[in-house]
C-alpha atoms as a PDB file:
ATOM      1  CA  MET A   1      20.505 -25.167   0.145  1.00  0.00           C
ATOM      2  CA  THR A   2      22.580 -23.645  -2.447  1.00  0.00           C
ATOM      3  CA  TRP A   3      22.954 -25.988  -5.750  1.00  0.00           C
ATOM      4  CA  LEU A   4      26.718 -25.595  -5.521  1.00  0.00           C
ATOM      5  CA  GLU A   5      25.631 -27.464  -2.040  1.00  0.00           C
ATOM      6  CA  LEU A   6      23.577 -29.939  -3.280  1.00  0.00           C
ATOM      7  CA  ARG A   7      26.289 -30.752  -5.059  1.00  0.00           C
ATOM      8  CA  ARG A   8      28.008 -32.818  -2.395  1.00  0.00           C
ATOM      9  CA  PHE A   9      25.270 -35.391  -2.061  1.00  0.00           C
ATOM     10  CA  PRO A  10      24.489 -38.287  -4.476  1.00  0.00           C
ATOM     11  CA  PRO A  11      22.688 -37.691  -7.113  1.00  0.00           C
ATOM     12  CA  PHE A  12      18.869 -38.929  -6.209  1.00  0.00           C
ATOM     13  CA  LEU A  13      19.296 -37.765  -2.612  1.00  0.00           C
ATOM     14  CA  ALA A  14      20.111 -34.346  -4.084  1.00  0.00           C
ATOM     15  CA  LEU A  15      16.955 -34.240  -5.997  1.00  0.00           C
ATOM     16  CA  LEU A  16      15.000 -34.757  -3.203  1.00  0.00           C
ATOM     17  CA  LEU A  17      17.011 -32.169  -1.178  1.00  0.00           C
ATOM     18  CA  ALA A  18      16.074 -29.326  -4.077  1.00  0.00           C
ATOM     19  CA  MET A  19      12.180 -30.869  -4.608  1.00  0.00           C
ATOM     20  CA  ALA A  20      12.027 -30.533  -0.594  1.00  0.00           C
ATOM     21  CA  CYS A  21      13.662 -26.290  -0.869  1.00  0.00           C
ATOM     22  CA  ILE A  22      10.181 -26.013  -3.311  1.00  0.00           C
ATOM     23  CA  PRO A  23       7.576 -24.085  -1.591  1.00  0.00           C
ATOM     24  CA  GLY A  24       4.552 -25.814  -1.310  1.00  0.00           C
ATOM     25  CA  ARG A  25       1.736 -23.089  -0.264  1.00  0.00           C
ATOM     26  CA  ASP A  26      -0.530 -21.753  -2.670  1.00  0.00           C
ATOM     27  CA  ASP A  27      -2.573 -19.781  -0.324  1.00  0.00           C
ATOM     28  CA  GLY A  28      -0.366 -16.704  -1.273  1.00  0.00           C
ATOM     29  CA  LYS A  29       1.985 -16.751   2.569  1.00  0.00           C
ATOM     30  CA  PRO A  30       5.355 -17.630   2.169  1.00  0.00           C
ATOM     31  CA  ASP A  31       6.778 -21.010   2.738  1.00  0.00           C
ATOM     32  CA  ARG A  32       7.796 -20.598   6.666  1.00  0.00           C
ATOM     33  CA  GLY A  33       7.762 -23.884   8.252  1.00  0.00           C
ATOM     34  CA  PHE A  34       5.565 -23.119  10.092  1.00  0.00           C
ATOM     35  CA  ASP A  35       2.586 -20.622  10.751  1.00  0.00           C
ATOM     36  CA  PRO A  36       3.383 -17.998  13.220  1.00  0.00           C
ATOM     37  CA  PRO A  37       0.617 -16.657  15.554  1.00  0.00           C
ATOM     38  CA  ALA A  38      -2.362 -13.834  13.833  1.00  0.00           C
ATOM     39  CA  ALA A  39      -0.621 -10.440  14.776  1.00  0.00           C
ATOM     40  CA  GLU A  40      -2.608  -7.949  16.583  1.00  0.00           C
ATOM     41  CA  LEU A  41      -4.374  -5.145  14.466  1.00  0.00           C
ATOM     42  CA  VAL A  42      -3.783  -1.906  16.817  1.00  0.00           C
ATOM     43  CA  LEU A  43      -5.238   1.155  16.832  1.00  0.00           C
ATOM     44  CA  HIS A  44      -2.394   4.300  17.258  1.00  0.00           C
ATOM     45  CA  THR A  45      -3.323   8.121  17.858  1.00  0.00           C
ATOM     46  CA  VAL A  46      -0.354  10.342  16.428  1.00  0.00           C
ATOM     47  CA  ASP A  47      -0.727  14.028  16.812  1.00  0.00           C
ATOM     48  CA  SER A  48       0.095  16.065  14.085  1.00  0.00           C
ATOM     49  CA  ASP A  49      -0.331  20.119  14.035  1.00  0.00           C
ATOM     50  CA  GLY A  50      -2.955  19.459  16.847  1.00  0.00           C
ATOM     51  CA  HIS A  51      -4.710  17.456  14.459  1.00  0.00           C
ATOM     52  CA  PRO A  52      -5.799  13.401  15.665  1.00  0.00           C
ATOM     53  CA  ILE A  53      -4.636  11.146  13.498  1.00  0.00           C
ATOM     54  CA  ALA A  54      -5.417   7.108  13.643  1.00  0.00           C
ATOM     55  CA  VAL A  55      -2.336   4.712  12.183  1.00  0.00           C
ATOM     56  CA  TRP A  56      -2.997   1.081  12.559  1.00  0.00           C
ATOM     57  CA  GLU A  57      -0.339  -1.537  12.838  1.00  0.00           C
ATOM     58  CA  LYS A  58       0.353  -5.209  12.554  1.00  0.00           C
ATOM     59  CA  SER A  59       3.933  -6.221  12.896  1.00  0.00           C
ATOM     60  CA  PRO A  60       5.895  -9.186  14.152  1.00  0.00           C
ATOM     61  CA  ALA A  61       8.073  -9.584  16.616  1.00  0.00           C
ATOM     62  CA  GLU A  62      11.576  -8.805  14.725  1.00  0.00           C
ATOM     63  CA  PRO A  63      10.491  -6.537  11.681  1.00  0.00           C
ATOM     64  CA  ARG A  64      12.993  -7.099   8.952  1.00  0.00           C
ATOM     65  CA  ALA A  65      11.301  -3.541   7.534  1.00  0.00           C
ATOM     66  CA  VAL A  66       8.980  -1.323   7.818  1.00  0.00           C
ATOM     67  CA  LEU A  67       5.701  -0.231   5.502  1.00  0.00           C
ATOM     68  CA  LEU A  68       3.472   2.742   6.161  1.00  0.00           C
ATOM     69  CA  LEU A  69       0.497   2.069   3.586  1.00  0.00           C
ATOM     70  CA  VAL A  70      -1.374   5.324   2.405  1.00  0.00           C
ATOM     71  CA  HIS A  71      -5.063   4.696   1.493  1.00  0.00           C
ATOM     72  CA  GLY A  72      -6.987   5.458  -1.579  1.00  0.00           C
ATOM     73  CA  ARG A  73      -9.523   7.858  -2.507  1.00  0.00           C
ATOM     74  CA  THR A  74     -12.556   6.751  -1.314  1.00  0.00           C
ATOM     75  CA  TRP A  75     -12.152   3.908   1.974  1.00  0.00           C
ATOM     76  CA  SER A  76      -9.828   4.095   4.758  1.00  0.00           C
ATOM     77  CA  THR A  77      -7.157   1.888   5.813  1.00  0.00           C
ATOM     78  CA  VAL A  78      -9.090  -1.390   7.578  1.00  0.00           C
ATOM     79  CA  PRO A  79     -11.139  -2.303   4.804  1.00  0.00           C
ATOM     80  CA  ASP A  80      -8.279  -1.296   2.552  1.00  0.00           C
ATOM     81  CA  PHE A  81      -5.372  -3.202   3.593  1.00  0.00           C
ATOM     82  CA  ASP A  82      -6.838  -5.517   6.612  1.00  0.00           C
ATOM     83  CA  LEU A  83     -10.173  -7.189   4.845  1.00  0.00           C
ATOM     84  CA  GLN A  84     -10.876  -9.925   6.766  1.00  0.00           C
ATOM     85  CA  VAL A  85     -12.829 -13.029   5.263  1.00  0.00           C
ATOM     86  CA  PRO A  86     -12.974 -16.486   6.788  1.00  0.00           C
ATOM     87  CA  GLY A  87     -11.158 -19.032   5.422  1.00  0.00           C
ATOM     88  CA  GLU A  88      -9.757 -16.549   2.317  1.00  0.00           C
ATOM     89  CA  ASN A  89      -5.926 -14.678   3.304  1.00  0.00           C
ATOM     90  CA  LEU A  90      -6.828 -11.961   1.553  1.00  0.00           C
ATOM     91  CA  SER A  91      -5.678  -8.900   3.764  1.00  0.00           C
ATOM     92  CA  LEU A  92      -2.062  -6.832   2.596  1.00  0.00           C
ATOM     93  CA  MET A  93      -1.286  -6.488   6.266  1.00  0.00           C
ATOM     94  CA  ASP A  94      -1.074  -9.823   7.477  1.00  0.00           C
ATOM     95  CA  GLY A  95       0.901 -10.873   4.170  1.00  0.00           C
ATOM     96  CA  LEU A  96       2.909  -8.192   5.136  1.00  0.00           C
ATOM     97  CA  VAL A  97       3.619  -9.935   8.566  1.00  0.00           C
ATOM     98  CA  ASP A  98       4.078 -13.039   7.316  1.00  0.00           C
ATOM     99  CA  LEU A  99       6.866 -11.672   5.557  1.00  0.00           C
ATOM    100  CA  GLY A 100       8.534 -10.225   8.815  1.00  0.00           C
ATOM    101  CA  ILE A 101       7.730  -6.448   7.633  1.00  0.00           C
ATOM    102  CA  ALA A 102       6.109  -3.874  10.146  1.00  0.00           C
ATOM    103  CA  SER A 103       3.010  -2.652   8.566  1.00  0.00           C
ATOM    104  CA  TYR A 104       1.614   0.333   9.292  1.00  0.00           C
ATOM    105  CA  GLY A 105      -1.707   2.617   7.920  1.00  0.00           C
ATOM    106  CA  ILE A 106      -2.516   5.825   8.214  1.00  0.00           C
ATOM    107  CA  ASP A 107      -6.434   7.130   8.262  1.00  0.00           C
ATOM    108  CA  LEU A 108      -6.102  11.029   6.419  1.00  0.00           C
ATOM    109  CA  ARG A 109      -7.501  13.529   7.003  1.00  0.00           C
ATOM    110  CA  GLY A 110     -11.908  12.694   7.006  1.00  0.00           C
ATOM    111  CA  TYR A 111     -11.281   8.846   6.965  1.00  0.00           C
ATOM    112  CA  GLY A 112     -11.923   6.267   9.312  1.00  0.00           C
ATOM    113  CA  GLU A 113     -10.888   6.219  12.924  1.00  0.00           C
ATOM    114  CA  THR A 114      -9.431   9.804  11.993  1.00  0.00           C
ATOM    115  CA  PRO A 115     -11.720  13.263  11.720  1.00  0.00           C
ATOM    116  CA  ARG A 116     -12.059  15.714   9.166  1.00  0.00           C
ATOM    117  CA  ASP A 117     -10.284  18.845   9.346  1.00  0.00           C
ATOM    118  CA  PRO A 118     -11.762  21.717  11.279  1.00  0.00           C
ATOM    119  CA  SER A 119     -12.123  23.098   7.720  1.00  0.00           C
ATOM    120  CA  GLY A 120     -13.725  19.978   7.142  1.00  0.00           C
ATOM    121  CA  TRP A 121     -11.656  19.908   3.879  1.00  0.00           C
ATOM    122  CA  THR A 122      -8.643  17.306   2.879  1.00  0.00           C
ATOM    123  CA  THR A 123      -6.013  19.165   0.820  1.00  0.00           C
ATOM    124  CA  PRO A 124      -2.869  17.177  -1.283  1.00  0.00           C
ATOM    125  CA  ASN A 125      -0.577  19.340   1.146  1.00  0.00           C
ATOM    126  CA  GLN A 126      -1.872  19.101   4.179  1.00  0.00           C
ATOM    127  CA  ALA A 127      -2.516  14.650   4.150  1.00  0.00           C
ATOM    128  CA  ALA A 128       1.448  14.912   2.696  1.00  0.00           C
ATOM    129  CA  ASP A 129       2.315  16.617   5.539  1.00  0.00           C
ATOM    130  CA  ASP A 130       0.359  13.950   7.769  1.00  0.00           C
ATOM    131  CA  VAL A 131       1.818  11.537   6.412  1.00  0.00           C
ATOM    132  CA  ALA A 132       5.846  12.354   6.708  1.00  0.00           C
ATOM    133  CA  VAL A 133       4.490  13.227  10.448  1.00  0.00           C
ATOM    134  CA  VAL A 134       3.858   9.264  11.183  1.00  0.00           C
ATOM    135  CA  LEU A 135       6.599   7.948   9.103  1.00  0.00           C
ATOM    136  CA  ALA A 136       8.819   9.816  12.054  1.00  0.00           C
ATOM    137  CA  TRP A 137       6.787   8.634  14.628  1.00  0.00           C
ATOM    138  CA  ILE A 138       7.406   5.383  12.705  1.00  0.00           C
ATOM    139  CA  ARG A 139      10.849   5.474  12.489  1.00  0.00           C
ATOM    140  CA  GLU A 140      11.447   6.559  16.000  1.00  0.00           C
ATOM    141  CA  ARG A 141       9.682   3.279  16.971  1.00  0.00           C
ATOM    142  CA  HIS A 142      12.100   1.175  14.766  1.00  0.00           C
ATOM    143  CA  ALA A 143      14.911   2.918  14.767  1.00  0.00           C
ATOM    144  CA  THR A 144      17.253   0.328  13.403  1.00  0.00           C
ATOM    145  CA  ALA A 145      14.937  -0.787  10.846  1.00  0.00           C
ATOM    146  CA  ASP A 146      13.709   0.897   6.860  1.00  0.00           C
ATOM    147  CA  VAL A 147      11.530   2.761   7.108  1.00  0.00           C
ATOM    148  CA  ASN A 148       9.238   2.981   3.436  1.00  0.00           C
ATOM    149  CA  LEU A 149       6.214   4.013   2.551  1.00  0.00           C
ATOM    150  CA  PHE A 150       3.620   2.355  -0.465  1.00  0.00           C
ATOM    151  CA  GLY A 151       0.823   4.553  -1.616  1.00  0.00           C
ATOM    152  CA  TRP A 152      -2.438   2.817  -3.692  1.00  0.00           C
ATOM    153  CA  SER A 153      -4.451   4.797  -6.249  1.00  0.00           C
ATOM    154  CA  GLN A 154      -5.120   8.386  -4.932  1.00  0.00           C
ATOM    155  CA  GLY A 155      -2.638   7.377  -2.481  1.00  0.00           C
ATOM    156  CA  SER A 156       0.293   6.777  -4.408  1.00  0.00           C
ATOM    157  CA  ARG A 157      -0.240  10.204  -5.284  1.00  0.00           C
ATOM    158  CA  VAL A 158      -0.132  11.518  -1.979  1.00  0.00           C
ATOM    159  CA  ALA A 159       3.030   9.398  -1.283  1.00  0.00           C
ATOM    160  CA  GLN A 160       4.753  10.892  -4.413  1.00  0.00           C
ATOM    161  CA  LEU A 161       4.185  13.822  -2.904  1.00  0.00           C
ATOM    162  CA  THR A 162       5.298  13.473   0.515  1.00  0.00           C
ATOM    163  CA  ALA A 163       8.702  11.652  -1.211  1.00  0.00           C
ATOM    164  CA  GLN A 164       9.136  15.367  -2.901  1.00  0.00           C
ATOM    165  CA  ARG A 165       8.474  17.555  -0.041  1.00  0.00           C
ATOM    166  CA  HIS A 166       9.638  15.309   2.614  1.00  0.00           C
ATOM    167  CA  PRO A 167      12.672  13.289   1.265  1.00  0.00           C
ATOM    168  CA  GLU A 168      14.356  12.771   4.653  1.00  0.00           C
ATOM    169  CA  ALA A 169      11.388  10.591   6.397  1.00  0.00           C
ATOM    170  CA  LEU A 170      11.572   7.337   4.009  1.00  0.00           C
ATOM    171  CA  ASP A 171      13.723   4.997   2.639  1.00  0.00           C
ATOM    172  CA  ARG A 172      11.980   3.776  -0.312  1.00  0.00           C
ATOM    173  CA  LEU A 173       8.467   4.615  -2.318  1.00  0.00           C
ATOM    174  CA  VAL A 174       6.495   2.211  -3.769  1.00  0.00           C
ATOM    175  CA  VAL A 175       2.964   3.610  -5.467  1.00  0.00           C
ATOM    176  CA  PHE A 176       1.060   1.314  -6.864  1.00  0.00           C
ATOM    177  CA  GLY A 177      -2.440   1.899  -8.586  1.00  0.00           C
ATOM    178  CA  TYR A 178      -0.860   5.007  -9.878  1.00  0.00           C
ATOM    179  CA  PRO A 179      -4.135   7.930 -11.175  1.00  0.00           C
ATOM    180  CA  HIS A 180      -2.153  11.101 -12.245  1.00  0.00           C
ATOM    181  CA  ARG A 181      -2.658  12.353 -15.972  1.00  0.00           C
ATOM    182  CA  PRO A 182       0.265  14.558 -16.101  1.00  0.00           C
ATOM    183  CA  GLY A 183      -0.716  18.477 -17.227  1.00  0.00           C
ATOM    184  CA  GLN A 184      -1.330  21.203 -14.828  1.00  0.00           C
ATOM    185  CA  ARG A 185      -5.117  21.763 -13.161  1.00  0.00           C
ATOM    186  CA  PRO A 186      -6.950  25.308 -12.373  1.00  0.00           C
ATOM    187  CA  VAL A 187      -6.223  26.383  -8.562  1.00  0.00           C
ATOM    188  CA  GLN A 188      -8.775  24.693  -6.446  1.00  0.00           C
ATOM    189  CA  ALA A 189     -10.442  26.823  -3.291  1.00  0.00           C
ATOM    190  CA  PRO A 190     -12.833  24.838  -0.743  1.00  0.00           C
ATOM    191  CA  GLY A 191     -16.339  26.691  -2.253  1.00  0.00           C
ATOM    192  CA  GLY A 192     -18.566  26.376   0.710  1.00  0.00           C
ATOM    193  CA  ASP A 193     -18.973  23.713   3.200  1.00  0.00           C
ATOM    194  CA  PRO A 194     -18.079  19.702   1.880  1.00  0.00           C
ATOM    195  CA  PRO A 195     -21.053  18.250   0.792  1.00  0.00           C
ATOM    196  CA  MET A 196     -20.124  15.175   3.034  1.00  0.00           C
ATOM    197  CA  GLU A 197     -22.191  12.383   0.921  1.00  0.00           C
ATOM    198  CA  ALA A 198     -23.193   9.352   1.987  1.00  0.00           C
ATOM    199  CA  THR A 199     -20.569   6.262   0.702  1.00  0.00           C
ATOM    200  CA  THR A 200     -22.665   3.740  -1.417  1.00  0.00           C
ATOM    201  CA  ALA A 201     -22.197  -0.221  -1.365  1.00  0.00           C
ATOM    202  CA  GLU A 202     -21.887   0.358  -5.447  1.00  0.00           C
ATOM    203  CA  ALA A 203     -19.064   2.419  -5.035  1.00  0.00           C
ATOM    204  CA  ALA A 204     -17.493  -0.259  -2.885  1.00  0.00           C
ATOM    205  CA  ALA A 205     -17.249  -2.460  -4.954  1.00  0.00           C
ATOM    206  CA  SER A 206     -16.405  -0.802  -8.508  1.00  0.00           C
ATOM    207  CA  ASP A 207     -12.614  -1.841  -8.139  1.00  0.00           C
ATOM    208  CA  PHE A 208     -13.406  -5.375  -8.751  1.00  0.00           C
ATOM    209  CA  ILE A 209     -12.532  -5.432 -11.783  1.00  0.00           C
ATOM    210  CA  ILE A 210     -11.255  -9.544 -13.089  1.00  0.00           C
ATOM    211  CA  PRO A 211     -14.174 -11.101 -12.876  1.00  0.00           C
ATOM    212  CA  GLY A 212     -13.255 -14.417 -10.634  1.00  0.00           C
ATOM    213  CA  SER A 213     -10.775 -12.493  -9.599  1.00  0.00           C
ATOM    214  CA  ILE A 214     -12.034 -12.592  -6.009  1.00  0.00           C
ATOM    215  CA  SER A 215     -15.006 -14.388  -4.642  1.00  0.00           C
ATOM    216  CA  GLN A 216     -18.068 -13.059  -3.951  1.00  0.00           C
ATOM    217  CA  VAL A 217     -18.372 -13.876   0.007  1.00  0.00           C
ATOM    218  CA  ALA A 218     -15.028 -11.346  -0.157  1.00  0.00           C
ATOM    219  CA  ILE A 219     -16.611  -8.610  -2.467  1.00  0.00           C
ATOM    220  CA  GLU A 220     -19.305  -8.354   0.157  1.00  0.00           C
ATOM    221  CA  ALA A 221     -17.099  -8.147   3.102  1.00  0.00           C
ATOM    222  CA  TYR A 222     -14.961  -5.744   1.538  1.00  0.00           C
ATOM    223  CA  VAL A 223     -18.318  -3.123   0.809  1.00  0.00           C
ATOM    224  CA  GLU A 224     -19.774  -4.217   4.460  1.00  0.00           C
ATOM    225  CA  SER A 225     -16.304  -3.255   6.052  1.00  0.00           C
ATOM    226  CA  ALA A 226     -15.653   0.262   3.744  1.00  0.00           C
ATOM    227  CA  LEU A 227     -19.294   1.137   4.319  1.00  0.00           C
ATOM    228  CA  ALA A 228     -18.986   0.504   8.357  1.00  0.00           C
ATOM    229  CA  ALA A 229     -15.321   1.960   8.424  1.00  0.00           C
ATOM    230  CA  ASP A 230     -16.307   4.882   5.731  1.00  0.00           C
ATOM    231  CA  PRO A 231     -20.405   6.309   5.942  1.00  0.00           C
ATOM    232  CA  VAL A 232     -20.114   9.067   4.081  1.00  0.00           C
ATOM    233  CA  ARG A 233     -17.336  10.192   1.850  1.00  0.00           C
ATOM    234  CA  SER A 234     -14.681  12.340   2.461  1.00  0.00           C
ATOM    235  CA  ASP A 235     -14.155  15.899   0.676  1.00  0.00           C
ATOM    236  CA  TRP A 236     -10.943  16.910  -1.263  1.00  0.00           C
ATOM    237  CA  THR A 237      -9.985  20.483  -2.134  1.00  0.00           C
ATOM    238  CA  SER A 238      -6.804  22.361  -3.608  1.00  0.00           C
ATOM    239  CA  GLY A 239      -6.101  18.897  -6.529  1.00  0.00           C
ATOM    240  CA  HIS A 240      -4.207  21.784  -7.867  1.00  0.00           C
ATOM    241  CA  GLU A 241      -1.765  21.030  -5.404  1.00  0.00           C
ATOM    242  CA  PHE A 242      -0.954  17.900  -7.455  1.00  0.00           C
ATOM    243  CA  ASN A 243       0.477  19.966  -9.430  1.00  0.00           C
ATOM    244  CA  ALA A 244       3.858  19.764  -7.997  1.00  0.00           C
ATOM    245  CA  LEU A 245       4.196  16.503  -8.903  1.00  0.00           C
ATOM    246  CA  ASP A 246       7.223  16.042 -10.575  1.00  0.00           C
ATOM    247  CA  PRO A 247       9.243  12.408 -10.788  1.00  0.00           C
ATOM    248  CA  ALA A 248      12.672  14.289 -11.046  1.00  0.00           C
ATOM    249  CA  ARG A 249      12.245  15.359  -7.605  1.00  0.00           C
ATOM    250  CA  VAL A 250      11.953  11.907  -6.134  1.00  0.00           C
ATOM    251  CA  THR A 251      15.391  10.870  -5.151  1.00  0.00           C
ATOM    252  CA  VAL A 252      14.709   8.069  -2.999  1.00  0.00           C
ATOM    253  CA  PRO A 253      14.532   3.853  -4.647  1.00  0.00           C
ATOM    254  CA  THR A 254      10.913   3.829  -6.407  1.00  0.00           C
ATOM    255  CA  LEU A 255       8.596   1.019  -7.072  1.00  0.00           C
ATOM    256  CA  ILE A 256       5.945   1.174  -9.439  1.00  0.00           C
ATOM    257  CA  LEU A 257       3.531  -1.533  -9.570  1.00  0.00           C
ATOM    258  CA  GLN A 258       0.888  -1.765 -12.032  1.00  0.00           C
ATOM    259  CA  GLY A 259      -2.065  -3.851 -12.533  1.00  0.00           C
ATOM    260  CA  GLU A 260      -2.069  -5.618 -15.986  1.00  0.00           C
ATOM    261  CA  HIS A 261      -5.985  -4.570 -16.357  1.00  0.00           C
ATOM    262  CA  ASP A 262      -6.040  -1.279 -14.252  1.00  0.00           C
ATOM    263  CA  PRO A 263      -7.886   1.283 -15.937  1.00  0.00           C
ATOM    264  CA  LEU A 264      -7.337   4.265 -13.769  1.00  0.00           C
ATOM    265  CA  SER A 265      -3.546   3.943 -14.169  1.00  0.00           C
ATOM    266  CA  PRO A 266      -2.414   3.415 -17.966  1.00  0.00           C
ATOM    267  CA  PRO A 267       0.950   2.697 -19.362  1.00  0.00           C
ATOM    268  CA  ARG A 268       0.760   5.908 -20.316  1.00  0.00           C
ATOM    269  CA  PHE A 269       1.577   7.334 -16.576  1.00  0.00           C
ATOM    270  CA  GLN A 270       3.524   4.745 -15.075  1.00  0.00           C
ATOM    271  CA  ASN A 271       5.502   5.820 -18.024  1.00  0.00           C
ATOM    272  CA  TRP A 272       5.761   9.636 -16.739  1.00  0.00           C
ATOM    273  CA  LEU A 273       6.653   8.542 -13.880  1.00  0.00           C
ATOM    274  CA  PHE A 274       9.104   5.834 -14.200  1.00  0.00           C
ATOM    275  CA  THR A 275      11.455   7.664 -17.024  1.00  0.00           C
ATOM    276  CA  GLY A 276      10.993  11.201 -14.827  1.00  0.00           C
ATOM    277  CA  LEU A 277      12.582   9.667 -11.738  1.00  0.00           C
ATOM    278  CA  ALA A 278      15.499  11.198 -10.423  1.00  0.00           C
ATOM    279  CA  THR A 279      16.441   7.880  -8.780  1.00  0.00           C
ATOM    280  CA  VAL A 280      18.442   4.961 -11.451  1.00  0.00           C
ATOM    281  CA  ASP A 281      17.044   2.209  -8.431  1.00  0.00           C
ATOM    282  CA  LYS A 282      13.495   1.932  -9.886  1.00  0.00           C
ATOM    283  CA  SER A 283      11.479  -1.153 -11.175  1.00  0.00           C
ATOM    284  CA  TRP A 284       8.450  -0.825 -13.221  1.00  0.00           C
ATOM    285  CA  VAL A 285       6.532  -4.422 -12.143  1.00  0.00           C
ATOM    286  CA  VAL A 286       3.022  -5.158 -14.351  1.00  0.00           C
ATOM    287  CA  ILE A 287       1.149  -7.936 -12.368  1.00  0.00           C
ATOM    288  CA  PRO A 288       0.070 -10.282 -14.592  1.00  0.00           C
ATOM    289  CA  GLY A 289      -3.950 -10.343 -14.358  1.00  0.00           C
ATOM    290  CA  GLY A 290      -4.529  -7.249 -11.836  1.00  0.00           C
ATOM    291  CA  ASP A 291      -6.779  -4.899 -11.687  1.00  0.00           C
ATOM    292  CA  HIS A 292      -7.037  -1.697  -9.288  1.00  0.00           C
ATOM    293  CA  ALA A 293      -7.539  -3.988  -6.368  1.00  0.00           C
ATOM    294  CA  ALA A 294      -4.799  -6.349  -7.318  1.00  0.00           C
ATOM    295  CA  PHE A 295      -3.260  -7.028  -3.751  1.00  0.00           C
ATOM    296  CA  LEU A 296      -6.905  -8.124  -2.196  1.00  0.00           C
ATOM    297  CA  GLU A 297      -7.345 -10.738  -5.890  1.00  0.00           C
ATOM    298  CA  THR A 298      -5.845 -14.031  -6.999  1.00  0.00           C
ATOM    299  CA  PRO A 299      -2.439 -12.456  -8.179  1.00  0.00           C
ATOM    300  CA  ARG A 300      -2.351 -11.410  -4.429  1.00  0.00           C
ATOM    301  CA  ALA A 301       1.032 -13.245  -3.812  1.00  0.00           C
ATOM    302  CA  TYR A 302       2.803 -12.299  -7.046  1.00  0.00           C
ATOM    303  CA  PHE A 303       2.142  -8.362  -5.805  1.00  0.00           C
ATOM    304  CA  LEU A 304       3.635  -9.667  -2.015  1.00  0.00           C
ATOM    305  CA  SER A 305       6.674 -11.437  -3.880  1.00  0.00           C
ATOM    306  CA  ALA A 306       7.402  -7.766  -6.006  1.00  0.00           C
ATOM    307  CA  LEU A 307       7.081  -6.251  -2.251  1.00  0.00           C
ATOM    308  CA  GLU A 308       9.876  -8.452  -0.607  1.00  0.00           C
ATOM    309  CA  SER A 309      12.255  -8.288  -4.005  1.00  0.00           C
ATOM    310  CA  PHE A 310      12.092  -4.592  -3.426  1.00  0.00           C
ATOM    311  CA  LEU A 311      11.647  -4.102   0.364  1.00  0.00           C
ATOM    312  CA  LEU A 312      14.430  -6.797   1.021  1.00  0.00           C
ATOM    313  CA  ARG A 313      16.551  -7.225  -0.937  1.00  0.00           C
ATOM    314  CA  GLY A 314      19.797  -8.023   0.574  1.00  0.00           C
ATOM    315  CA  GLU A 315      18.425 -10.537   3.019  1.00  0.00           C
ATOM    316  CA  MET A 316      16.276 -12.768   0.992  1.00  0.00           C
END
């Protein structure tokens, strides 16, 4: 109800109606007037040039938009984007479903439920091409909805590379925790067998930087989930392929999300990306109090609100 509509009522009644329109939730979920049933986490397998790619899905009954999530360097979709903690709402996928957005998460080669590449290595171009294949598969499933792409940390670099190599595959791009340092990297080729080092609990907890921004119970749940999903560290090579990252080649609407206290994505990196983007439809939002894992922490509601404003504008 708009303010002009409220003016038709007596002042006291108008005030009561206006107060009733103010959201009353404080759990990071939008106020829809009811709690829909929790969406089921579904695992799909998508073929990318003969290689099976694991894709996780949580969707509402009638999606208003679609978002594919690309995880970071160390951990895969489930610990990053669907963390389940009793009594706490931390899953990004659940938050998106509450907004009416179908959420998908890709496990890149060597992560989660996706087997390693036959070479044993993961490369930027291969990762971007796999993401494009999954985006095309999603578009077939949601022919009438916008299909958008979200990348976190190293996943934000993969997402940008996808937007450059396959601009037809996505309608909008979102990057968060963008760590790319402009400049040329030397050519890198695989040097023997991948080391396949074991992951550690210390590494799993390292992204939670701001004291008190997430409960100890949630940190422990994240560590447990991360080590279960990714007990062996994936191995990347051909890092020079990220030299191709060029904001001037990104033509789709783009949202840059930056945690206020994120040491891995300082403002100068975001500024290089933002000012260089070819699209004029671009936004740069700083998450107050956020660090490198803001969507799992106290700024979660702010984070989701920024996503909603960007992905569902015109429908709100």
